[in-house]
């Protein structure tokens, strides 16, 4: 029997490194690992606010640390 993927999401603070698409950023997790952080449409107002070096709160799935969803500024 295989172990199911965790269903709980993790909130953490990431550092934005650079913007590479209109709503996508290269970011660094607290443990130093790189991730791609995305803005959802409902958070589109943050596009003009987020700059390299900023801290943002993201939600990540424990099974996939390569993608993160930006929730708000930290």
C-alpha atoms as a PDB file:
ATOM      1  CA  UNK A   1       0.000   0.000   0.000  1.00  0.00           C
ATOM      2  CA  UNK A   2       1.453   3.363  -1.017  1.00  0.00           C
ATOM      3  CA  UNK A   3       1.516   6.400   1.217  1.00  0.00           C
ATOM      4  CA  UNK A   4      -0.851   9.141   0.035  1.00  0.00           C
ATOM      5  CA  UNK A   5       0.440  12.647  -0.599  1.00  0.00           C
ATOM      6  CA  UNK A   6       0.006  15.006   2.334  1.00  0.00           C
ATOM      7  CA  UNK A   7      -3.141  17.073   1.993  1.00  0.00           C
ATOM      8  CA  UNK A   8      -2.041  19.857   4.313  1.00  0.00           C
ATOM      9  CA  UNK A   9      -0.476  22.928   2.774  1.00  0.00           C
ATOM     10  CA  UNK A  10       2.379  24.835   4.375  1.00  0.00           C
ATOM     11  CA  UNK A  11       2.572  28.617   4.712  1.00  0.00           C
ATOM     12  CA  UNK A  12       6.059  30.122   4.846  1.00  0.00           C
ATOM     13  CA  UNK A  13       7.944  33.276   3.937  1.00  0.00           C
ATOM     14  CA  UNK A  14       9.960  33.434   0.711  1.00  0.00           C
ATOM     15  CA  UNK A  15      12.376  36.012  -0.637  1.00  0.00           C
ATOM     16  CA  UNK A  16      11.665  37.212  -4.170  1.00  0.00           C
ATOM     17  CA  UNK A  17      14.747  37.037  -6.428  1.00  0.00           C
ATOM     18  CA  UNK A  18      13.358  38.188  -9.790  1.00  0.00           C
ATOM     19  CA  UNK A  19      10.208  38.477 -11.861  1.00  0.00           C
ATOM     20  CA  UNK A  20      10.290  36.429 -15.059  1.00  0.00           C
ATOM     21  CA  UNK A  21       6.664  36.574 -16.207  1.00  0.00           C
ATOM     22  CA  UNK A  22       3.726  38.911 -15.514  1.00  0.00           C
ATOM     23  CA  UNK A  23       2.610  36.916 -12.458  1.00  0.00           C
ATOM     24  CA  UNK A  24       5.557  34.579 -11.816  1.00  0.00           C
ATOM     25  CA  UNK A  25       8.703  35.080  -9.751  1.00  0.00           C
ATOM     26  CA  UNK A  26      11.856  33.182  -8.907  1.00  0.00           C
ATOM     27  CA  UNK A  27      11.978  32.987  -5.114  1.00  0.00           C
ATOM     28  CA  UNK A  28      13.994  31.358  -2.342  1.00  0.00           C
ATOM     29  CA  UNK A  29      12.465  29.304   0.480  1.00  0.00           C
ATOM     30  CA  UNK A  30      13.719  29.735   4.063  1.00  0.00           C
ATOM     31  CA  UNK A  31      15.908  26.618   3.681  1.00  0.00           C
ATOM     32  CA  UNK A  32      17.663  28.158   0.651  1.00  0.00           C
ATOM     33  CA  UNK A  33      15.917  26.052  -1.996  1.00  0.00           C
ATOM     34  CA  UNK A  34      14.677  27.867  -5.115  1.00  0.00           C
ATOM     35  CA  UNK A  35      11.006  27.853  -6.044  1.00  0.00           C
ATOM     36  CA  UNK A  36       8.707  29.502  -8.552  1.00  0.00           C
ATOM     37  CA  UNK A  37       6.133  31.729  -6.853  1.00  0.00           C
ATOM     38  CA  UNK A  38       2.912  32.557  -8.678  1.00  0.00           C
ATOM     39  CA  UNK A  39       0.270  35.215  -8.108  1.00  0.00           C
ATOM     40  CA  UNK A  40      -3.360  34.242  -8.443  1.00  0.00           C
ATOM     41  CA  UNK A  41      -5.797  36.565 -10.220  1.00  0.00           C
ATOM     42  CA  UNK A  42      -7.379  37.607  -6.916  1.00  0.00           C
ATOM     43  CA  UNK A  43      -3.933  38.775  -5.725  1.00  0.00           C
ATOM     44  CA  UNK A  44      -3.131  40.616  -8.980  1.00  0.00           C
ATOM     45  CA  UNK A  45      -2.997  43.952  -7.140  1.00  0.00           C
ATOM     46  CA  UNK A  46       0.364  42.814  -5.696  1.00  0.00           C
ATOM     47  CA  UNK A  47       2.053  42.759  -9.136  1.00  0.00           C
ATOM     48  CA  UNK A  48       3.119  46.406  -8.868  1.00  0.00           C
ATOM     49  CA  UNK A  49       4.190  46.054  -5.211  1.00  0.00           C
ATOM     50  CA  UNK A  50       6.451  42.982  -5.345  1.00  0.00           C
ATOM     51  CA  UNK A  51      10.100  43.790  -6.050  1.00  0.00           C
ATOM     52  CA  UNK A  52      13.315  41.701  -5.859  1.00  0.00           C
ATOM     53  CA  UNK A  53      14.382  41.295  -2.236  1.00  0.00           C
ATOM     54  CA  UNK A  54      10.825  41.539  -0.869  1.00  0.00           C
ATOM     55  CA  UNK A  55       9.488  38.955   1.555  1.00  0.00           C
ATOM     56  CA  UNK A  56       6.147  37.334   0.699  1.00  0.00           C
ATOM     57  CA  UNK A  57       3.973  34.754   2.410  1.00  0.00           C
ATOM     58  CA  UNK A  58       3.461  31.714   0.184  1.00  0.00           C
ATOM     59  CA  UNK A  59       1.561  28.453   0.373  1.00  0.00           C
ATOM     60  CA  UNK A  60       3.327  25.297  -0.782  1.00  0.00           C
ATOM     61  CA  UNK A  61       2.369  21.645  -1.020  1.00  0.00           C
ATOM     62  CA  UNK A  62       4.712  19.368   0.964  1.00  0.00           C
ATOM     63  CA  UNK A  63       4.885  17.043  -2.045  1.00  0.00           C
ATOM     64  CA  UNK A  64       6.115  19.757  -4.446  1.00  0.00           C
ATOM     65  CA  UNK A  65       8.422  22.521  -3.204  1.00  0.00           C
ATOM     66  CA  UNK A  66       9.085  23.696  -6.787  1.00  0.00           C
ATOM     67  CA  UNK A  67       5.886  25.762  -6.949  1.00  0.00           C
ATOM     68  CA  UNK A  68       4.462  28.228  -4.461  1.00  0.00           C
ATOM     69  CA  UNK A  69       1.361  30.421  -4.412  1.00  0.00           C
ATOM     70  CA  UNK A  70       1.862  33.992  -3.197  1.00  0.00           C
ATOM     71  CA  UNK A  71      -0.739  34.927  -0.570  1.00  0.00           C
ATOM     72  CA  UNK A  72       0.381  38.374   0.617  1.00  0.00           C
ATOM     73  CA  UNK A  73       3.350  40.582   1.435  1.00  0.00           C
ATOM     74  CA  UNK A  74       5.204  39.617   4.622  1.00  0.00           C
END
